[in-house]
PDB file of N, CA and C in Angstrom:
ATOM      1  N   UNK A   1      87.300 102.180  15.600  1.00  0.00           N
ATOM      2  CA  UNK A   1      87.998 103.206  14.839  1.00  0.00           C
ATOM      3  C   UNK A   1      88.221 104.430  15.739  1.00  0.00           C
ATOM      4  N   UNK A   2      89.450 104.872  15.894  1.00  0.00           N
ATOM      5  CA  UNK A   2      89.731 106.008  16.770  1.00  0.00           C
ATOM      6  C   UNK A   2      89.212 107.319  16.175  1.00  0.00           C
ATOM      7  N   UNK A   3      88.918 108.230  17.046  1.00  0.00           N
ATOM      8  CA  UNK A   3      88.428 109.545  16.633  1.00  0.00           C
ATOM      9  C   UNK A   3      89.620 110.414  16.227  1.00  0.00           C
ATOM     10  N   UNK A   4      89.710 110.725  14.964  1.00  0.00           N
ATOM     11  CA  UNK A   4      90.852 111.492  14.440  1.00  0.00           C
ATOM     12  C   UNK A   4      90.873 112.931  14.956  1.00  0.00           C
ATOM     13  N   UNK A   5      89.750 113.392  15.519  1.00  0.00           N
ATOM     14  CA  UNK A   5      89.747 114.748  16.082  1.00  0.00           C
ATOM     15  C   UNK A   5      90.709 114.856  17.250  1.00  0.00           C
ATOM     16  N   UNK A   6      90.975 113.733  17.902  1.00  0.00           N
ATOM     17  CA  UNK A   6      91.927 113.723  19.009  1.00  0.00           C
ATOM     18  C   UNK A   6      93.290 114.186  18.510  1.00  0.00           C
ATOM     19  N   UNK A   7      93.712 113.666  17.377  1.00  0.00           N
ATOM     20  CA  UNK A   7      95.011 114.035  16.809  1.00  0.00           C
ATOM     21  C   UNK A   7      94.998 115.501  16.381  1.00  0.00           C
ATOM     22  N   UNK A   8      93.904 115.955  15.800  1.00  0.00           N
ATOM     23  CA  UNK A   8      93.809 117.356  15.378  1.00  0.00           C
ATOM     24  C   UNK A   8      93.946 118.298  16.574  1.00  0.00           C
ATOM     25  N   UNK A   9      93.258 117.993  17.657  1.00  0.00           N
ATOM     26  CA  UNK A   9      93.361 118.818  18.863  1.00  0.00           C
ATOM     27  C   UNK A   9      94.756 118.733  19.464  1.00  0.00           C
ATOM     28  N   UNK A  10      95.301 117.533  19.462  1.00  0.00           N
ATOM     29  CA  UNK A  10      96.660 117.346  19.998  1.00  0.00           C
ATOM     30  C   UNK A  10      97.682 118.150  19.195  1.00  0.00           C
ATOM     31  N   UNK A  11      97.478 118.256  17.884  1.00  0.00           N
ATOM     32  CA  UNK A  11      98.406 119.028  17.058  1.00  0.00           C
ATOM     33  C   UNK A  11      98.433 120.486  17.495  1.00  0.00           C
ATOM     34  N   UNK A  12      97.275 121.034  17.800  1.00  0.00           N
ATOM     35  CA  UNK A  12      97.215 122.426  18.254  1.00  0.00           C
ATOM     36  C   UNK A  12      97.942 122.613  19.592  1.00  0.00           C
ATOM     37  N   UNK A  13      97.669 121.714  20.515  1.00  0.00           N
ATOM     38  CA  UNK A  13      98.298 121.808  21.839  1.00  0.00           C
ATOM     39  C   UNK A  13      99.793 121.523  21.751  1.00  0.00           C
ATOM     40  N   UNK A  14     100.164 120.538  20.945  1.00  0.00           N
ATOM     41  CA  UNK A  14     101.573 120.138  20.835  1.00  0.00           C
ATOM     42  C   UNK A  14     102.434 121.249  20.243  1.00  0.00           C
ATOM     43  N   UNK A  15     101.878 122.020  19.312  1.00  0.00           N
ATOM     44  CA  UNK A  15     102.673 123.104  18.704  1.00  0.00           C
ATOM     45  C   UNK A  15     103.003 124.161  19.743  1.00  0.00           C
ATOM     46  N   UNK A  16     102.100 124.363  20.672  1.00  0.00           N
ATOM     47  CA  UNK A  16     102.337 125.342  21.742  1.00  0.00           C
ATOM     48  C   UNK A  16     103.254 124.744  22.800  1.00  0.00           C
ATOM     49  N   UNK A  17     103.022 123.490  23.125  1.00  0.00           N
ATOM     50  CA  UNK A  17     103.764 122.839  24.204  1.00  0.00           C
ATOM     51  C   UNK A  17     105.200 122.503  23.814  1.00  0.00           C
ATOM     52  N   UNK A  18     105.388 122.056  22.581  1.00  0.00           N
ATOM     53  CA  UNK A  18     106.717 121.647  22.111  1.00  0.00           C
ATOM     54  C   UNK A  18     107.080 122.350  20.801  1.00  0.00           C
ATOM     55  N   UNK A  19     107.244 123.672  20.819  1.00  0.00           N
ATOM     56  CA  UNK A  19     107.530 124.377  19.564  1.00  0.00           C
ATOM     57  C   UNK A  19     108.871 124.006  18.942  1.00  0.00           C
ATOM     58  N   UNK A  20     109.776 123.443  19.744  1.00  0.00           N
ATOM     59  CA  UNK A  20     111.100 123.094  19.232  1.00  0.00           C
ATOM     60  C   UNK A  20     111.135 121.748  18.518  1.00  0.00           C
ATOM     61  N   UNK A  21     110.007 121.035  18.557  1.00  0.00           N
ATOM     62  CA  UNK A  21     109.948 119.706  17.943  1.00  0.00           C
ATOM     63  C   UNK A  21     109.180 119.720  16.630  1.00  0.00           C
ATOM     64  N   UNK A  22     109.536 118.809  15.717  1.00  0.00           N
ATOM     65  CA  UNK A  22     108.698 118.618  14.534  1.00  0.00           C
ATOM     66  C   UNK A  22     107.298 118.193  14.989  1.00  0.00           C
ATOM     67  N   UNK A  23     106.265 118.570  14.246  1.00  0.00           N
ATOM     68  CA  UNK A  23     104.885 118.304  14.682  1.00  0.00           C
ATOM     69  C   UNK A  23     104.574 116.851  15.042  1.00  0.00           C
ATOM     70  N   UNK A  24     105.027 115.888  14.269  1.00  0.00           N
ATOM     71  CA  UNK A  24     104.695 114.485  14.567  1.00  0.00           C
ATOM     72  C   UNK A  24     105.347 114.017  15.862  1.00  0.00           C
ATOM     73  N   UNK A  25     106.567 114.478  16.132  1.00  0.00           N
ATOM     74  CA  UNK A  25     107.223 114.128  17.390  1.00  0.00           C
ATOM     75  C   UNK A  25     106.475 114.763  18.559  1.00  0.00           C
ATOM     76  N   UNK A  26     106.079 116.013  18.398  1.00  0.00           N
ATOM     77  CA  UNK A  26     105.370 116.723  19.461  1.00  0.00           C
ATOM     78  C   UNK A  26     104.040 116.047  19.773  1.00  0.00           C
ATOM     79  N   UNK A  27     103.299 115.682  18.748  1.00  0.00           N
ATOM     80  CA  UNK A  27     102.009 115.013  18.948  1.00  0.00           C
ATOM     81  C   UNK A  27     102.215 113.653  19.617  1.00  0.00           C
ATOM     82  N   UNK A  28     103.189 112.908  19.152  1.00  0.00           N
ATOM     83  CA  UNK A  28     103.453 111.582  19.736  1.00  0.00           C
ATOM     84  C   UNK A  28     103.798 111.701  21.221  1.00  0.00           C
ATOM     85  N   UNK A  29     104.653 112.668  21.571  1.00  0.00           N
ATOM     86  CA  UNK A  29     105.012 112.839  22.981  1.00  0.00           C
ATOM     87  C   UNK A  29     103.814 113.247  23.820  1.00  0.00           C
ATOM     88  N   UNK A  30     103.048 114.197  23.336  1.00  0.00           N
ATOM     89  CA  UNK A  30     101.890 114.660  24.091  1.00  0.00           C
ATOM     90  C   UNK A  30     100.882 113.534  24.303  1.00  0.00           C
ATOM     91  N   UNK A  31     100.533 112.842  23.238  1.00  0.00           N
ATOM     92  CA  UNK A  31      99.538 111.780  23.356  1.00  0.00           C
ATOM     93  C   UNK A  31     100.052 110.562  24.115  1.00  0.00           C
ATOM     94  N   UNK A  32     101.377 110.396  24.179  1.00  0.00           N
ATOM     95  CA  UNK A  32     101.932 109.254  24.919  1.00  0.00           C
ATOM     96  C   UNK A  32     101.652 109.359  26.413  1.00  0.00           C
ATOM     97  N   UNK A  33     101.287 110.542  26.875  1.00  0.00           N
ATOM     98  CA  UNK A  33     100.934 110.718  28.284  1.00  0.00           C
ATOM     99  C   UNK A  33      99.548 110.144  28.586  1.00  0.00           C
ATOM    100  N   UNK A  34      98.748 109.920  27.536  1.00  0.00           N
ATOM    101  CA  UNK A  34      97.360 109.521  27.735  1.00  0.00           C
ATOM    102  C   UNK A  34      96.974 108.185  27.089  1.00  0.00           C
ATOM    103  N   UNK A  35      97.769 107.744  26.121  1.00  0.00           N
ATOM    104  CA  UNK A  35      97.412 106.544  25.359  1.00  0.00           C
ATOM    105  C   UNK A  35      98.555 105.542  25.343  1.00  0.00           C
ATOM    106  N   UNK A  36      98.200 104.289  25.161  1.00  0.00           N
ATOM    107  CA  UNK A  36      99.213 103.238  25.016  1.00  0.00           C
ATOM    108  C   UNK A  36      99.863 103.371  23.645  1.00  0.00           C
ATOM    109  N   UNK A  37     100.967 102.679  23.452  1.00  0.00           N
ATOM    110  CA  UNK A  37     101.638 102.725  22.150  1.00  0.00           C
ATOM    111  C   UNK A  37     100.761 102.147  21.045  1.00  0.00           C
ATOM    112  N   UNK A  38     100.040 101.097  21.363  1.00  0.00           N
ATOM    113  CA  UNK A  38      99.142 100.511  20.369  1.00  0.00           C
ATOM    114  C   UNK A  38      98.060 101.508  19.959  1.00  0.00           C
ATOM    115  N   UNK A  39      97.481 102.172  20.947  1.00  0.00           N
ATOM    116  CA  UNK A  39      96.449 103.165  20.657  1.00  0.00           C
ATOM    117  C   UNK A  39      97.015 104.332  19.856  1.00  0.00           C
ATOM    118  N   UNK A  40      98.233 104.741  20.207  1.00  0.00           N
ATOM    119  CA  UNK A  40      98.878 105.841  19.485  1.00  0.00           C
ATOM    120  C   UNK A  40      99.110 105.498  18.019  1.00  0.00           C
ATOM    121  N   UNK A  41      99.583 104.306  17.763  1.00  0.00           N
ATOM    122  CA  UNK A  41      99.809 103.875  16.380  1.00  0.00           C
ATOM    123  C   UNK A  41      98.513 103.948  15.586  1.00  0.00           C
ATOM    124  N   UNK A  42      97.431 103.511  16.199  1.00  0.00           N
ATOM    125  CA  UNK A  42      96.144 103.538  15.515  1.00  0.00           C
ATOM    126  C   UNK A  42      95.655 104.982  15.333  1.00  0.00           C
ATOM    127  N   UNK A  43      95.769 105.787  16.379  1.00  0.00           N
ATOM    128  CA  UNK A  43      95.340 107.189  16.294  1.00  0.00           C
ATOM    129  C   UNK A  43      96.109 107.958  15.227  1.00  0.00           C
ATOM    130  N   UNK A  44      97.435 107.779  15.208  1.00  0.00           N
ATOM    131  CA  UNK A  44      98.286 108.543  14.295  1.00  0.00           C
ATOM    132  C   UNK A  44      98.429 107.858  12.936  1.00  0.00           C
ATOM    133  N   UNK A  45      97.896 106.649  12.842  1.00  0.00           N
ATOM    134  CA  UNK A  45      97.966 105.866  11.606  1.00  0.00           C
ATOM    135  C   UNK A  45      99.419 105.660  11.156  1.00  0.00           C
ATOM    136  N   UNK A  46     100.227 105.168  12.101  1.00  0.00           N
ATOM    137  CA  UNK A  46     101.642 104.906  11.822  1.00  0.00           C
ATOM    138  C   UNK A  46     102.037 103.543  12.383  1.00  0.00           C
ATOM    139  N   UNK A  47     103.172 103.027  11.905  1.00  0.00           N
ATOM    140  CA  UNK A  47     103.717 101.762  12.394  1.00  0.00           C
ATOM    141  C   UNK A  47     104.365 101.969  13.762  1.00  0.00           C
ATOM    142  N   UNK A  48     104.493 100.896  14.519  1.00  0.00           N
ATOM    143  CA  UNK A  48     105.101 101.000  15.849  1.00  0.00           C
ATOM    144  C   UNK A  48     106.553 101.455  15.773  1.00  0.00           C
ATOM    145  N   UNK A  49     107.271 101.058  14.728  1.00  0.00           N
ATOM    146  CA  UNK A  49     108.668 101.494  14.591  1.00  0.00           C
ATOM    147  C   UNK A  49     108.747 103.004  14.349  1.00  0.00           C
ATOM    148  N   UNK A  50     107.807 103.545  13.602  1.00  0.00           N
ATOM    149  CA  UNK A  50     107.761 104.994  13.359  1.00  0.00           C
ATOM    150  C   UNK A  50     107.437 105.729  14.658  1.00  0.00           C
ATOM    151  N   UNK A  51     106.506 105.185  15.431  1.00  0.00           N
ATOM    152  CA  UNK A  51     106.166 105.794  16.718  1.00  0.00           C
ATOM    153  C   UNK A  51     107.376 105.807  17.635  1.00  0.00           C
ATOM    154  N   UNK A  52     108.086 104.689  17.719  1.00  0.00           N
ATOM    155  CA  UNK A  52     109.294 104.626  18.561  1.00  0.00           C
ATOM    156  C   UNK A  52     110.295 105.694  18.144  1.00  0.00           C
ATOM    157  N   UNK A  53     110.457 105.893  16.841  1.00  0.00           N
ATOM    158  CA  UNK A  53     111.385 106.906  16.338  1.00  0.00           C
ATOM    159  C   UNK A  53     110.933 108.300  16.763  1.00  0.00           C
ATOM    160  N   UNK A  54     109.651 108.604  16.585  1.00  0.00           N
ATOM    161  CA  UNK A  54     109.135 109.919  16.985  1.00  0.00           C
ATOM    162  C   UNK A  54     109.346 110.155  18.479  1.00  0.00           C
ATOM    163  N   UNK A  55     109.030 109.148  19.284  1.00  0.00           N
ATOM    164  CA  UNK A  55     109.155 109.292  20.735  1.00  0.00           C
ATOM    165  C   UNK A  55     110.609 109.442  21.166  1.00  0.00           C
ATOM    166  N   UNK A  56     111.493 108.623  20.622  1.00  0.00           N
ATOM    167  CA  UNK A  56     112.891 108.693  21.061  1.00  0.00           C
ATOM    168  C   UNK A  56     113.556 109.981  20.599  1.00  0.00           C
ATOM    169  N   UNK A  57     113.288 110.419  19.396  1.00  0.00           N
ATOM    170  CA  UNK A  57     113.873 111.675  18.912  1.00  0.00           C
ATOM    171  C   UNK A  57     113.303 112.879  19.664  1.00  0.00           C
ATOM    172  N   UNK A  58     112.006 112.842  19.919  1.00  0.00           N
ATOM    173  CA  UNK A  58     111.388 113.933  20.680  1.00  0.00           C
ATOM    174  C   UNK A  58     111.942 114.021  22.089  1.00  0.00           C
ATOM    175  N   UNK A  59     112.051 112.875  22.766  1.00  0.00           N
ATOM    176  CA  UNK A  59     112.605 112.877  24.127  1.00  0.00           C
ATOM    177  C   UNK A  59     114.071 113.290  24.129  1.00  0.00           C
ATOM    178  N   UNK A  60     114.817 112.916  23.108  1.00  0.00           N
ATOM    179  CA  UNK A  60     116.217 113.311  23.022  1.00  0.00           C
ATOM    180  C   UNK A  60     116.330 114.835  22.973  1.00  0.00           C
ATOM    181  N   UNK A  61     115.489 115.458  22.182  1.00  0.00           N
ATOM    182  CA  UNK A  61     115.502 116.917  22.091  1.00  0.00           C
ATOM    183  C   UNK A  61     115.098 117.543  23.418  1.00  0.00           C
ATOM    184  N   UNK A  62     114.058 117.014  24.050  1.00  0.00           N
ATOM    185  CA  UNK A  62     113.621 117.543  25.349  1.00  0.00           C
ATOM    186  C   UNK A  62     114.736 117.394  26.377  1.00  0.00           C
ATOM    187  N   UNK A  63     115.419 116.245  26.381  1.00  0.00           N
ATOM    188  CA  UNK A  63     116.538 116.037  27.313  1.00  0.00           C
ATOM    189  C   UNK A  63     117.645 117.045  27.070  1.00  0.00           C
ATOM    190  N   UNK A  64     117.951 117.325  25.809  1.00  0.00           N
ATOM    191  CA  UNK A  64     119.015 118.282  25.487  1.00  0.00           C
ATOM    192  C   UNK A  64     118.651 119.672  25.997  1.00  0.00           C
ATOM    193  N   UNK A  65     117.384 120.007  25.918  1.00  0.00           N
ATOM    194  CA  UNK A  65     116.934 121.327  26.365  1.00  0.00           C
ATOM    195  C   UNK A  65     116.843 121.385  27.881  1.00  0.00           C
ATOM    196  N   UNK A  66     116.254 120.358  28.487  1.00  0.00           N
ATOM    197  CA  UNK A  66     115.978 120.363  29.924  1.00  0.00           C
ATOM    198  C   UNK A  66     117.057 119.694  30.772  1.00  0.00           C
ATOM    199  N   UNK A  67     117.827 118.806  30.171  1.00  0.00           N
ATOM    200  CA  UNK A  67     118.862 118.112  30.930  1.00  0.00           C
ATOM    201  C   UNK A  67     118.351 116.952  31.759  1.00  0.00           C
ATOM    202  N   UNK A  68     117.091 116.610  31.647  1.00  0.00           N
ATOM    203  CA  UNK A  68     116.505 115.500  32.386  1.00  0.00           C
ATOM    204  C   UNK A  68     115.809 114.567  31.411  1.00  0.00           C
ATOM    205  N   UNK A  69     115.256 113.488  31.918  1.00  0.00           N
ATOM    206  CA  UNK A  69     114.544 112.567  31.037  1.00  0.00           C
ATOM    207  C   UNK A  69     113.424 111.892  31.786  1.00  0.00           C
ATOM    208  N   UNK A  70     112.621 111.166  31.058  1.00  0.00           N
ATOM    209  CA  UNK A  70     111.570 110.374  31.669  1.00  0.00           C
ATOM    210  C   UNK A  70     110.205 111.004  31.532  1.00  0.00           C
ATOM    211  N   UNK A  71     109.205 110.192  31.819  1.00  0.00           N
ATOM    212  CA  UNK A  71     107.817 110.616  31.681  1.00  0.00           C
ATOM    213  C   UNK A  71     107.491 111.736  32.658  1.00  0.00           C
ATOM    214  N   UNK A  72     107.998 111.667  33.883  1.00  0.00           N
ATOM    215  CA  UNK A  72     107.712 112.719  34.852  1.00  0.00           C
ATOM    216  C   UNK A  72     108.224 114.068  34.363  1.00  0.00           C
ATOM    217  N   UNK A  73     109.397 114.073  33.761  1.00  0.00           N
ATOM    218  CA  UNK A  73     109.943 115.309  33.208  1.00  0.00           C
ATOM    219  C   UNK A  73     109.088 115.801  32.053  1.00  0.00           C
ATOM    220  N   UNK A  74     108.624 114.895  31.227  1.00  0.00           N
ATOM    221  CA  UNK A  74     107.767 115.253  30.106  1.00  0.00           C
ATOM    222  C   UNK A  74     106.477 115.887  30.615  1.00  0.00           C
ATOM    223  N   UNK A  75     105.873 115.313  31.638  1.00  0.00           N
ATOM    224  CA  UNK A  75     104.664 115.878  32.227  1.00  0.00           C
ATOM    225  C   UNK A  75     104.932 117.274  32.760  1.00  0.00           C
ATOM    226  N   UNK A  76     106.076 117.462  33.396  1.00  0.00           N
ATOM    227  CA  UNK A  76     106.445 118.765  33.931  1.00  0.00           C
ATOM    228  C   UNK A  76     106.568 119.802  32.819  1.00  0.00           C
ATOM    229  N   UNK A  77     107.206 119.440  31.727  1.00  0.00           N
ATOM    230  CA  UNK A  77     107.355 120.363  30.593  1.00  0.00           C
ATOM    231  C   UNK A  77     105.979 120.756  30.062  1.00  0.00           C
ATOM    232  N   UNK A  78     105.105 119.775  29.863  1.00  0.00           N
ATOM    233  CA  UNK A  78     103.758 120.054  29.362  1.00  0.00           C
ATOM    234  C   UNK A  78     103.029 120.987  30.325  1.00  0.00           C
ATOM    235  N   UNK A  79     103.056 120.672  31.603  1.00  0.00           N
ATOM    236  CA  UNK A  79     102.366 121.491  32.603  1.00  0.00           C
ATOM    237  C   UNK A  79     102.911 122.915  32.628  1.00  0.00           C
ATOM    238  N   UNK A  80     104.230 123.064  32.652  1.00  0.00           N
ATOM    239  CA  UNK A  80     104.839 124.401  32.701  1.00  0.00           C
ATOM    240  C   UNK A  80     104.449 125.245  31.497  1.00  0.00           C
ATOM    241  N   UNK A  81     104.538 124.652  30.330  1.00  0.00           N
ATOM    242  CA  UNK A  81     104.263 125.418  29.110  1.00  0.00           C
ATOM    243  C   UNK A  81     102.781 125.741  28.959  1.00  0.00           C
ATOM    244  N   UNK A  82     101.920 124.833  29.326  1.00  0.00           N
ATOM    245  CA  UNK A  82     100.490 125.118  29.224  1.00  0.00           C
ATOM    246  C   UNK A  82     100.072 126.126  30.286  1.00  0.00           C
ATOM    247  N   UNK A  83     100.677 126.074  31.465  1.00  0.00           N
ATOM    248  CA  UNK A  83     100.307 127.028  32.510  1.00  0.00           C
ATOM    249  C   UNK A  83     100.750 128.445  32.159  1.00  0.00           C
ATOM    250  N   UNK A  84     101.771 128.589  31.328  1.00  0.00           N
ATOM    251  CA  UNK A  84     102.198 129.912  30.887  1.00  0.00           C
ATOM    252  C   UNK A  84     101.166 130.548  29.957  1.00  0.00           C
ATOM    253  N   UNK A  85     100.327 129.732  29.344  1.00  0.00           N
ATOM    254  CA  UNK A  85      99.327 130.248  28.425  1.00  0.00           C
ATOM    255  C   UNK A  85      98.145 130.857  29.156  1.00  0.00           C
ATOM    256  N   UNK A  86      97.913 130.429  30.389  1.00  0.00           N
ATOM    257  CA  UNK A  86      96.712 130.857  31.129  1.00  0.00           C
ATOM    258  C   UNK A  86      96.868 132.250  31.648  1.00  0.00           C
TER     259      UNK A  86
END
């Protein structure tokens, strides 16, 4: 059974990191950097099709804002936004 505190902590970080995204999309994108899709579905208690929707819509918004795509770009966005908090 996954530790649901992971999702709670991710929600806090995701709201800061991706304020332009709906919370579930932001959490899915953030946690996708650390967990497999199967693990994410279990952590977030959602179906794989719902996860795919959250990830694709979230990345679409990030691409529209940043003009780039891919996991490396996502990592860069997370790093830039979190480093601004320090």
